Protein backbone atom coordinates (compact mmCIF):
# COMPACT_ATOMS: atom_id res chain seq x y z
CA MET A 1 0.00 0.00 0.00
CA ALA A 2 1.41 3.35 -1.02
CA LYS A 3 2.33 5.74 1.78
CA LYS A 4 0.84 9.20 1.89
CA ILE A 5 3.35 11.98 1.52
CA HIS A 6 2.65 14.73 4.04
CA LYS A 7 3.63 18.17 2.71
CA THR A 8 4.72 20.79 5.21
CA LYS A 9 2.24 23.59 5.21
CA LYS A 10 3.91 26.88 4.31
CA THR A 11 3.11 29.93 6.44
CA PRO A 12 1.99 32.85 4.25
CA LEU A 13 4.65 35.58 4.21
CA LEU A 14 2.38 38.26 5.70
CA LYS A 15 1.51 35.93 8.59
CA ASN A 16 5.14 35.23 9.34
CA VAL A 17 6.25 37.28 12.39
CA GLY A 18 9.84 37.12 11.20
CA PHE A 19 8.88 39.02 8.06
CA TYR A 20 7.88 42.05 10.13
CA PHE A 21 11.09 41.90 12.13
CA VAL A 22 13.06 41.95 8.88
CA LEU A 23 10.86 44.73 7.46
CA LEU A 24 11.48 46.93 10.53
CA TYR A 25 15.19 46.25 10.34
CA ALA A 26 15.25 47.02 6.60
CA ILE A 27 13.48 50.36 7.13
CA LEU A 28 15.96 51.38 9.85
CA THR A 29 18.90 50.24 7.70
CA LEU A 30 17.77 52.15 4.62
CA GLY A 31 17.00 55.18 6.79
CA MET A 32 20.52 55.08 8.17
CA ILE A 33 22.06 54.81 4.69
CA VAL A 34 19.97 57.72 3.39
CA GLN A 35 20.92 59.88 6.38
CA ILE A 36 24.61 59.04 6.07
CA PHE A 37 24.68 60.52 2.57
CA THR A 38 22.21 63.33 3.30
CA VAL A 39 23.95 64.68 6.41
CA ASN A 40 27.30 64.05 4.69
CA VAL A 41 29.64 64.36 7.68
CA ILE A 42 31.26 60.92 7.30
CA PRO A 43 34.14 60.63 4.78
CA MET A 44 33.19 58.56 1.73
CA LYS A 45 35.54 55.65 2.46
CA TYR A 46 34.08 55.20 5.93
CA ALA A 47 30.52 55.77 4.68
CA MET A 48 30.92 52.99 2.11
CA ILE A 49 32.32 50.57 4.69
CA VAL A 50 29.41 51.30 7.05
CA CYS A 51 26.87 50.85 4.24
CA VAL A 52 28.35 47.50 3.16
CA ILE A 53 28.27 46.23 6.75
CA LEU A 54 24.66 47.41 7.17
CA LEU A 55 23.55 45.65 3.98
CA LEU A 56 25.36 42.41 4.89
CA LEU A 57 23.69 42.45 8.30
CA LEU A 58 20.33 43.00 6.59
CA LEU A 59 20.92 39.95 4.37
CA GLY A 60 21.92 37.94 7.43
CA MET A 61 18.76 38.93 9.28
CA TYR A 62 16.68 38.08 6.21
CA TYR A 63 18.19 34.60 6.08
CA LEU A 64 17.72 33.98 9.83
CA GLN A 65 14.03 34.87 9.67
CA LEU A 66 12.92 33.75 6.22
CA GLY A 67 15.46 31.09 5.27
CA LYS A 68 14.00 27.59 4.68
CA LYS A 69 16.65 25.64 6.56
CA VAL A 70 16.78 27.77 9.73
CA ASN A 71 15.47 26.02 12.86
CA LYS A 72 13.19 27.64 15.43
CA VAL A 73 15.98 28.30 17.96
CA ASN A 74 18.06 30.27 15.45
CA LYS A 75 14.98 32.19 14.34
CA VAL A 76 14.35 33.24 17.95
CA LEU A 77 18.01 34.22 18.35
CA GLY A 78 17.71 36.15 15.08
CA LYS A 79 14.75 38.11 16.42
CA ILE A 80 16.69 39.00 19.56
CA LEU A 81 19.65 40.08 17.43
CA ILE A 82 17.36 42.22 15.23
CA VAL A 83 15.96 43.98 18.31
CA ILE A 84 19.48 44.74 19.59
CA LEU A 85 20.69 45.97 16.20
CA ALA A 86 17.48 47.96 15.68
CA VAL A 87 18.18 49.87 18.90
CA PHE A 88 21.67 50.77 17.63
CA LEU A 89 20.24 51.79 14.25
CA GLY A 90 17.56 53.89 15.92
CA VAL A 91 20.15 55.70 18.02
CA GLY A 92 22.38 56.18 14.97
CA ASN A 93 19.50 57.59 12.94
CA TRP A 94 18.64 59.96 15.78
CA TYR A 95 22.25 61.19 16.05
CA LEU A 96 22.43 61.81 12.32
CA PHE A 97 19.08 63.60 12.35
CA LYS A 98 20.26 65.84 15.21
CA THR A 99 23.46 66.57 13.31
CA GLY A 100 21.65 67.53 10.10
CA SER A 101 19.14 69.68 11.98
CA ALA A 102 21.91 71.46 13.86
CA PHE A 103 23.81 72.33 10.69
CA SER A 104 20.61 73.57 9.06
CA ARG A 105 19.94 75.91 11.99
CA MET A 106 23.51 77.20 11.97
CA THR A 107 23.78 77.83 8.25
CA GLY A 108 20.18 78.15 7.07
CA ASP A 109 19.19 81.32 8.91
CA ASP A 110 19.93 84.32 6.68
CA THR A 111 17.88 86.74 8.77
CA GLN A 112 18.59 89.25 11.47
CA THR A 113 16.16 90.49 14.12
CA SER A 114 15.74 94.19 14.88
CA VAL A 115 13.67 95.45 17.80
CA VAL A 116 12.15 98.93 18.12
CA SER A 117 10.96 99.86 21.62
CA VAL A 118 8.96 102.71 23.11
CA VAL A 119 10.77 103.61 26.35
CA VAL A 120 9.53 105.86 29.18
CA MET A 121 10.81 106.76 32.62
CA LYS A 122 9.99 104.23 35.33
CA GLU A 123 7.45 106.49 37.03
CA ASN A 124 5.47 107.14 33.84
CA LYS A 125 1.95 105.68 34.24
CA ALA A 126 1.45 104.72 30.58
CA GLU A 127 0.55 101.05 30.06
CA SER A 128 -0.05 101.13 26.31
CA ILE A 129 0.76 103.21 23.24
CA LYS A 130 -2.75 104.67 23.37
CA ASP A 131 -1.90 106.11 26.79
CA LEU A 132 0.94 108.02 25.08
CA LYS A 133 -0.95 109.23 22.01
CA ASN A 134 -0.80 112.89 23.07
CA SER A 135 2.79 112.65 24.30
CA LYS A 136 6.01 113.90 22.77
CA PHE A 137 8.27 111.16 21.36
CA GLY A 138 11.99 111.58 20.83
CA LEU A 139 13.85 109.50 18.26
CA THR A 140 17.21 109.26 16.56
CA LYS A 141 17.61 107.55 13.21
CA THR A 142 21.12 106.25 13.78
CA GLY A 143 21.04 102.56 12.86
CA THR A 144 18.87 100.91 10.28
CA GLN A 145 16.61 103.65 8.93
CA ASP A 146 13.96 101.41 7.40
CA ILE A 147 13.50 99.58 10.72
CA MET A 148 12.90 102.87 12.54
CA GLU A 149 10.40 103.87 9.85
CA LYS A 150 8.54 100.58 10.29
CA GLY A 151 8.50 101.06 14.04
CA LEU A 152 7.21 104.61 13.74
CA ALA A 153 4.41 103.48 11.42
CA ASP A 154 3.31 100.73 13.82
CA ILE A 155 3.41 103.10 16.79
CA LYS A 156 1.15 105.56 14.95
CA LYS A 157 -1.20 102.68 14.14
CA ASP A 158 -1.40 101.62 17.79
CA ALA A 159 -1.89 105.22 18.92
CA GLY A 160 -4.75 105.58 16.45
CA GLN A 161 -3.50 108.97 15.30
CA GLU A 162 -0.46 110.96 14.28
CA ILE A 163 2.07 111.45 17.07
CA THR A 164 4.40 114.32 17.90
CA THR A 165 8.05 113.44 17.33
CA VAL A 166 11.32 115.28 17.94
CA ASP A 167 14.42 114.23 15.96
CA TYR A 168 17.78 114.05 17.76
CA LYS A 169 21.33 113.53 16.51
CA SER A 170 22.87 112.83 19.93
CA TYR A 171 22.08 109.92 22.25
CA LYS A 172 23.23 112.00 25.18
CA THR A 173 20.81 114.82 24.37
CA ILE A 174 17.79 112.57 23.76
CA ALA A 175 18.42 110.67 27.01
CA ASP A 176 18.95 113.91 28.96
CA ASP A 177 15.67 115.31 27.63
CA LEU A 178 13.80 112.14 28.66
CA TYR A 179 15.23 112.40 32.17
CA ASP A 180 14.44 116.14 32.32
CA GLY A 181 10.85 115.65 31.14
CA LYS A 182 11.28 117.59 27.89
CA ILE A 183 10.01 114.52 26.02
CA ASP A 184 7.72 111.78 27.35
CA ALA A 185 9.07 108.75 25.52
CA ILE A 186 11.89 107.54 23.28
CA ILE A 187 11.42 105.46 20.14
CA MET A 188 14.58 103.37 20.28
CA ASP A 189 16.29 100.79 18.09
CA GLU A 190 17.32 98.22 20.73
CA ALA A 191 20.65 97.78 18.93
CA THR A 192 21.55 101.26 20.22
CA ARG A 193 20.54 100.69 23.88
CA SER A 194 24.15 100.47 25.02
CA LEU A 195 24.76 103.95 23.57
CA PHE A 196 22.18 105.35 26.00
CA GLU A 197 23.91 103.51 28.83
CA ASP A 198 27.21 105.22 27.97
CA ASN A 199 25.88 108.43 29.54
CA HIS A 200 23.23 107.05 31.89
CA SER A 201 24.70 103.93 33.49
CA LYS A 202 21.39 103.02 35.19
CA PHE A 203 19.28 103.58 32.07
CA ASP A 204 17.89 100.02 32.19
CA LEU A 205 16.84 100.40 35.82
CA GLU A 206 15.43 103.92 35.56
CA THR A 207 13.35 103.37 32.42
CA ARG A 208 10.91 100.74 31.18
CA ILE A 209 9.50 99.52 27.88
CA VAL A 210 5.85 100.23 27.09
CA LYS A 211 5.89 98.12 23.93
CA SER A 212 8.41 96.51 21.60
CA TYR A 213 8.12 95.72 17.89
CA LYS A 214 10.20 92.94 16.29
CA TYR A 215 11.20 92.90 12.63
CA LYS A 216 13.05 90.19 10.72
CA THR A 217 15.05 91.20 7.69
CA SER A 218 17.19 89.19 5.28
CA THR A 219 20.94 89.59 5.52
CA LYS A 220 22.99 90.33 2.43
CA ASP A 221 25.03 87.42 1.07
CA ILE A 222 28.61 88.61 1.49
CA SER A 223 30.35 85.22 1.47
CA LYS A 224 33.35 84.72 -0.80
CA ASN A 225 33.29 80.96 -1.24
CA VAL A 226 36.42 78.85 -1.60
CA ASP A 227 37.24 75.16 -1.31
CA VAL A 228 37.65 75.17 2.47
CA THR A 229 39.54 71.86 2.46
CA SER A 230 42.34 73.03 0.18
CA GLU A 231 42.38 76.86 0.07
CA PRO A 232 43.10 79.33 2.89
CA PHE A 233 40.22 81.51 4.05
CA ASN A 234 39.37 84.25 6.55
CA VAL A 235 36.47 84.07 8.99
CA TYR A 236 35.34 87.18 10.84
CA ILE A 237 34.25 86.38 14.39
CA THR A 238 31.93 89.06 15.73
CA GLY A 239 30.52 88.96 19.24
CA ILE A 240 27.43 91.04 19.99
CA ASP A 241 26.80 92.44 23.48
CA THR A 242 23.48 90.69 24.18
CA TYR A 243 22.03 87.55 25.67
CA GLY A 244 19.33 85.50 23.97
CA THR A 245 18.56 85.28 20.25
CA ILE A 246 21.72 85.20 18.14
CA SER A 247 20.05 87.00 15.21
CA THR A 248 19.48 90.15 17.29
CA VAL A 249 21.23 93.24 15.87
CA SER A 250 23.58 94.85 18.40
CA ARG A 251 27.02 96.39 18.88
CA SER A 252 30.01 94.30 17.85
CA ASP A 253 32.07 93.92 21.03
CA VAL A 254 34.25 90.99 19.92
CA ASN A 255 36.11 91.58 16.68
CA MET A 256 38.48 88.94 15.43
CA ILE A 257 39.82 87.59 12.14
CA ALA A 258 40.46 83.83 12.02
CA THR A 259 42.79 82.98 9.14
CA VAL A 260 42.62 79.26 8.37
CA ASN A 261 44.98 77.25 6.18
CA PRO A 262 43.50 73.74 5.87
CA LYS A 263 46.61 72.31 4.19
CA THR A 264 49.06 73.35 6.91
CA HIS A 265 46.48 73.01 9.71
CA GLN A 266 47.36 76.49 10.89
CA VAL A 267 44.90 79.00 12.40
CA LEU A 268 45.80 82.62 13.11
CA LEU A 269 43.53 84.68 15.38
CA THR A 270 43.88 88.46 14.96
CA SER A 271 42.14 90.55 17.61
CA ILE A 272 40.92 94.08 16.82
CA PRO A 273 39.97 96.45 19.69
CA ARG A 274 36.25 97.27 19.81
CA ASP A 275 36.98 101.02 19.94
CA TYR A 276 39.25 101.03 16.87
CA TYR A 277 38.57 104.33 15.08
CA VAL A 278 38.09 103.39 11.43
CA PRO A 279 36.16 104.66 8.36
CA GLN A 280 32.76 102.98 8.05
CA PRO A 281 30.92 102.59 4.71
CA CYS A 282 27.56 102.23 6.48
CA GLN A 283 28.02 105.71 7.95
CA GLY A 284 28.92 107.34 4.67
CA GLY A 285 32.64 106.79 5.15
CA GLN A 286 32.72 108.65 8.46
CA THR A 287 35.21 107.45 11.06
CA ASP A 288 33.79 105.85 14.20
CA LYS A 289 34.35 103.04 16.69
CA LEU A 290 34.41 99.59 15.11
CA THR A 291 31.90 98.36 17.69
CA HIS A 292 29.25 100.70 16.26
CA THR A 293 29.25 98.87 12.92
CA GLY A 294 27.24 96.11 14.61
CA ILE A 295 24.28 98.50 14.89
CA PHE A 296 24.03 98.49 11.09
CA GLY A 297 24.42 94.71 10.72
CA VAL A 298 27.23 92.19 10.34
CA ASP A 299 27.72 93.07 6.65
CA CYS A 300 28.76 96.59 7.72
CA THR A 301 31.30 95.19 10.21
CA VAL A 302 32.81 92.83 7.64
CA GLU A 303 33.01 95.48 4.91
CA THR A 304 34.64 97.95 7.31
CA VAL A 305 37.37 95.48 8.29
CA GLU A 306 37.94 94.35 4.69
CA ASN A 307 38.43 97.94 3.56
CA TYR A 308 40.73 98.91 6.41
CA PHE A 309 42.94 95.79 6.38
CA GLY A 310 42.87 95.31 2.62
CA ILE A 311 41.97 91.62 2.84
CA ASP A 312 39.02 89.44 1.85
CA ILE A 313 36.76 88.11 4.57
CA ASN A 314 35.28 84.89 3.18
CA TYR A 315 32.83 84.10 5.95
CA TYR A 316 31.58 85.38 9.29
CA VAL A 317 30.48 83.85 12.58
CA ARG A 318 28.24 85.76 15.01
CA VAL A 319 28.19 84.86 18.69
CA ASN A 320 26.72 86.51 21.80
CA PHE A 321 27.01 86.19 25.58
CA SER A 322 24.69 83.15 25.64
CA SER A 323 26.87 81.48 22.98
CA VAL A 324 29.97 81.39 25.15
CA GLU A 325 28.18 79.99 28.19
CA ASN A 326 26.24 77.35 26.26
CA ILE A 327 29.13 76.10 24.12
CA VAL A 328 31.68 75.92 26.95
CA ASP A 329 29.24 74.10 29.25
CA ALA A 330 28.27 71.67 26.47
CA LEU A 331 31.97 70.90 25.93
CA GLY A 332 32.28 70.08 29.62
CA GLY A 333 34.46 73.12 30.30
CA ILE A 334 37.68 74.36 28.72
CA ASN A 335 41.27 75.03 29.79
CA VAL A 336 42.54 78.58 29.33
CA ASP A 337 46.00 79.97 30.07
CA SER A 338 46.22 83.38 31.71
CA PRO A 339 49.52 85.30 31.92
CA ILE A 340 48.36 87.07 35.12
CA ALA A 341 46.01 86.59 38.07
CA PHE A 342 42.92 88.82 38.15
CA ASN A 343 39.33 89.03 39.40
CA ALA A 344 36.27 89.58 37.21
CA LEU A 345 32.52 89.59 37.83
CA GLY A 346 32.87 87.65 41.08
CA TYR A 347 35.35 85.08 39.76
CA SER A 348 39.08 84.73 40.45
CA PHE A 349 41.53 83.62 37.78
CA SER A 350 45.09 82.52 38.50
CA ALA A 351 48.24 82.92 36.46
CA GLY A 352 48.68 79.73 34.45
CA THR A 353 46.09 77.19 33.35
CA ASN A 354 42.48 77.74 34.45
CA SER A 355 39.66 75.19 34.05
CA LEU A 356 36.56 77.23 33.22
CA ASN A 357 32.84 76.56 32.95
CA GLY A 358 30.53 78.68 30.77
CA LYS A 359 29.94 81.57 33.17
CA GLU A 360 33.62 81.69 34.12
CA ALA A 361 34.71 81.69 30.46
CA LEU A 362 32.32 84.56 29.75
CA ALA A 363 33.63 86.56 32.71
CA PHE A 364 37.23 85.83 31.63
CA SER A 365 36.56 87.11 28.11
CA ARG A 366 34.53 90.21 29.11
CA GLU A 367 36.76 91.75 31.79
CA ARG A 368 38.90 94.76 30.85
CA TYR A 369 38.99 97.15 33.82
CA SER A 370 41.30 95.01 35.99
CA LEU A 371 43.69 94.39 33.09
CA GLY A 372 46.66 96.65 32.44
CA GLY A 373 46.04 96.81 28.70
CA GLY A 374 42.28 97.36 29.05
CA ASP A 375 40.39 96.42 25.90
CA ARG A 376 43.59 95.19 24.22
CA ASP A 377 44.13 92.61 26.97
CA ARG A 378 40.46 91.71 26.85
CA GLY A 379 40.89 90.92 23.16
CA LYS A 380 43.82 88.64 23.99
CA ASN A 381 41.74 86.84 26.62
CA GLN A 382 38.94 86.39 24.08
CA MET A 383 41.43 84.71 21.75
CA ARG A 384 42.54 82.46 24.62
CA VAL A 385 38.93 81.39 25.23
CA ILE A 386 38.37 80.68 21.52
CA THR A 387 41.62 78.67 21.44
CA GLY A 388 40.38 76.66 24.42
CA ILE A 389 37.05 76.01 22.69
CA ILE A 390 38.75 74.87 19.45
CA ASN A 391 41.18 72.57 21.27
CA LYS A 392 38.34 70.93 23.20
CA ALA A 393 36.07 70.72 20.15
CA ILE A 394 38.61 68.75 18.08
CA SER A 395 39.44 66.33 20.90
CA PRO A 396 37.92 62.80 21.03
CA SER A 397 36.32 63.61 24.42
CA ILE A 398 33.47 65.53 22.76
CA ILE A 399 31.85 62.23 21.71
CA THR A 400 30.41 61.78 25.22
CA ASN A 401 28.63 65.16 25.03
CA TYR A 402 27.86 65.06 21.31
CA THR A 403 24.12 65.86 21.39
CA SER A 404 24.38 68.59 24.03
CA ILE A 405 27.19 70.18 22.03
CA LEU A 406 25.04 70.13 18.89
CA ASP A 407 22.15 71.75 20.76
CA ALA A 408 24.41 74.42 22.21
CA VAL A 409 26.22 75.23 18.98
CA SER A 410 23.16 75.24 16.72
CA GLY A 411 21.39 77.87 18.80
CA SER A 412 24.47 79.84 19.77
CA PHE A 413 26.08 81.06 16.60
CA GLN A 414 25.15 82.17 13.12
CA THR A 415 27.35 81.83 10.05
CA ASN A 416 27.16 82.41 6.31
CA MET A 417 29.37 79.39 5.65
CA SER A 418 27.28 76.87 3.74
CA ASN A 419 26.20 73.50 5.09
CA SER A 420 28.36 71.67 2.54
CA GLU A 421 31.43 73.76 3.44
CA MET A 422 31.04 72.97 7.14
CA THR A 423 30.58 69.25 6.52
CA SER A 424 33.60 69.24 4.19
CA LEU A 425 35.76 70.59 7.03
CA ILE A 426 34.40 67.98 9.43
CA LYS A 427 35.08 65.14 6.99
CA MET A 428 38.59 66.45 6.43
CA GLN A 429 39.23 66.46 10.18
CA ILE A 430 37.81 62.94 10.61
CA ASN A 431 40.01 61.71 7.75
CA ASP A 432 43.35 62.80 9.20
CA MET A 433 42.52 63.58 12.89
CA SER A 434 45.64 65.77 13.07
CA GLY A 435 45.91 68.71 15.45
CA TRP A 436 45.84 72.40 14.58
CA ASP A 437 48.46 75.02 15.38
CA ILE A 438 46.59 78.07 16.70
CA GLU A 439 48.52 81.35 16.88
CA GLN A 440 47.36 84.72 18.20
CA ILE A 441 48.20 88.32 17.34
CA SER A 442 46.49 91.68 17.81
CA VAL A 443 46.61 95.21 16.48
CA ASN A 444 47.27 98.23 18.66
CA GLY A 445 46.62 101.95 18.89
CA THR A 446 46.53 105.06 21.05
CA GLY A 447 43.61 106.21 23.19
CA ASN A 448 41.85 109.48 22.33
CA ALA A 449 39.23 110.65 24.83
CA SER A 450 37.61 113.32 22.65
CA ALA A 451 37.11 111.98 19.12
CA TRP A 452 33.82 112.60 17.31
CA SER A 453 31.53 109.57 17.16
CA PRO A 454 28.81 109.89 14.48
CA ALA A 455 26.80 107.04 16.02
CA ASN A 456 26.89 108.58 19.49
CA GLY A 457 26.42 112.11 18.27
CA PHE A 458 29.07 113.40 20.68
CA ASN A 459 32.82 113.12 21.39
CA SER A 460 33.82 109.72 22.79
CA TRP A 461 36.83 107.68 23.86
CA VAL A 462 38.30 105.84 20.86
CA MET A 463 41.49 104.05 19.92
CA GLU A 464 43.42 105.67 17.08
CA PRO A 465 44.93 102.77 15.08
CA ASN A 466 48.67 102.23 15.04
CA VAL A 467 49.02 101.70 11.29
CA ASN A 468 52.31 99.82 11.68
CA THR A 469 50.63 97.14 13.83
CA VAL A 470 47.92 96.79 11.19
CA LYS A 471 50.56 96.31 8.47
CA ARG A 472 52.33 93.71 10.61
CA ALA A 473 49.06 91.85 11.18
CA VAL A 474 48.32 91.77 7.45
CA GLU A 475 51.87 90.50 6.85
CA VAL A 476 51.30 87.56 9.22
CA ILE A 477 47.85 86.85 7.72
CA LYS A 478 49.37 86.68 4.22
CA LYS A 479 52.09 84.31 5.40
CA VAL A 480 49.49 81.94 6.86
CA GLU A 481 47.58 82.08 3.57
CA ASN A 482 50.82 81.26 1.73
CA GLY A 483 51.42 78.19 3.90
CA GLU A 484 54.35 79.57 5.91
CA ASP A 485 54.91 78.66 9.57
CA VAL A 486 54.22 81.84 11.57
CA LYS A 487 54.68 80.56 15.13
CA ALA A 488 57.84 82.57 15.82
CA LEU A 489 56.63 85.64 13.89
CA ALA A 490 53.29 85.71 15.72
CA GLN A 491 55.07 85.61 19.07
CA GLN A 492 57.36 88.43 17.92
CA VAL A 493 54.39 90.58 16.82
CA MET A 494 52.66 90.07 20.17
CA GLU A 495 55.82 91.12 22.01
CA GLU A 496 56.15 94.23 19.82
CA ASN A 497 52.55 95.22 20.56
CA THR A 498 52.99 94.66 24.30
CA ALA A 499 56.05 96.92 24.28
CA ASP A 500 54.01 99.66 22.56
CA GLU A 501 51.20 99.62 25.15
């Protein structure tokens, strides 16, 4: 009698649990591959190796779950392995997503924020613009004229009628008249607030804002693009004197040129005093403090420095007080060398190496009154802080704080360097992992307590540039661009400048 042949019943694919494990793993794998090439921070040779490994693992998981000759025990082990690998893939996808988002926020914002405020004395009873409709408003149009015009139009709209305005050319006079009751309110571009504080140190405490109006405007594209992995380039680092939103327009209190040669791995930081008295295209060629260029926008600051130094600035980076604190804390602190011991803003710094957190680094870089060279020494300390940040940022230890660093950096500085240029630099660094030689120089000048300041509208303390120190700085910049080692020359220039102080 013939025996019956029993055929094994096949489980339909869609009813096979292993199929869904493989499907999930395939989605995560393909997502990782797409993100690797989209975010583009991993060098191609490493990216290809990772992709091959991911695809081989996917094939292995497919075989373990859907292969015909795999027993039940191995299928269970395969499911466990898929879960473990899926967790790693999920974390990897999340890290890549965070990286891409961070770069987009750093490089994708081509706007700046201007704020126009209506300011009254503290004791003024007005709670709204309507309460001030019959008042006398003082205003000065130093700064961005179109922003002040927008603010004035919105104030009239809120008042429901035309308002009485008095034009001023001097911040001292307009503030004095507010204090003396000759005007009831000031219509103020917040970028100029510090100019009011120059003559009334308690201006913030003795006045209050009735209403503020925010305006976002597009910045002009002033980048001069190069291949940042093979050609030297200059980055202007400008620090604005505010906390909070990095796009806010304000005075430029940190002014530094970073000259980068990617082939020699050499970086030269050149500090420029904030009160440097230089011709400014945004003020019709009038000479004023460099810090006042920030009121007109970063493009004014960059153009002013380009014209005076006779060099090209390829890119800029804007930072503010919040930037320093956030970045240093995210890095887990930095080490900074100080040539002297001094106290600043409640902190004590010793001669030698100091380990600083965010608030300490900010205090270290802001202090000038307890330093013999004043603003010149402050500029040197700012370069020391930036050097500390760079050295920590290129060290392997940042991996442990990677996401917090991304969060801090993405919201703490603004640059016109493109996303692809930034990722190219990162890939270059990952490829060779070599260190960078960071040198520092500064330019010098002579104090003048009674020079005319067009932005202030009165005579102010400025620093008249020492043209010879500017020429020496340009000489060192050119040598870095040409691939020459400037370590000894930079030290010599710093010693020359110290002797001139």
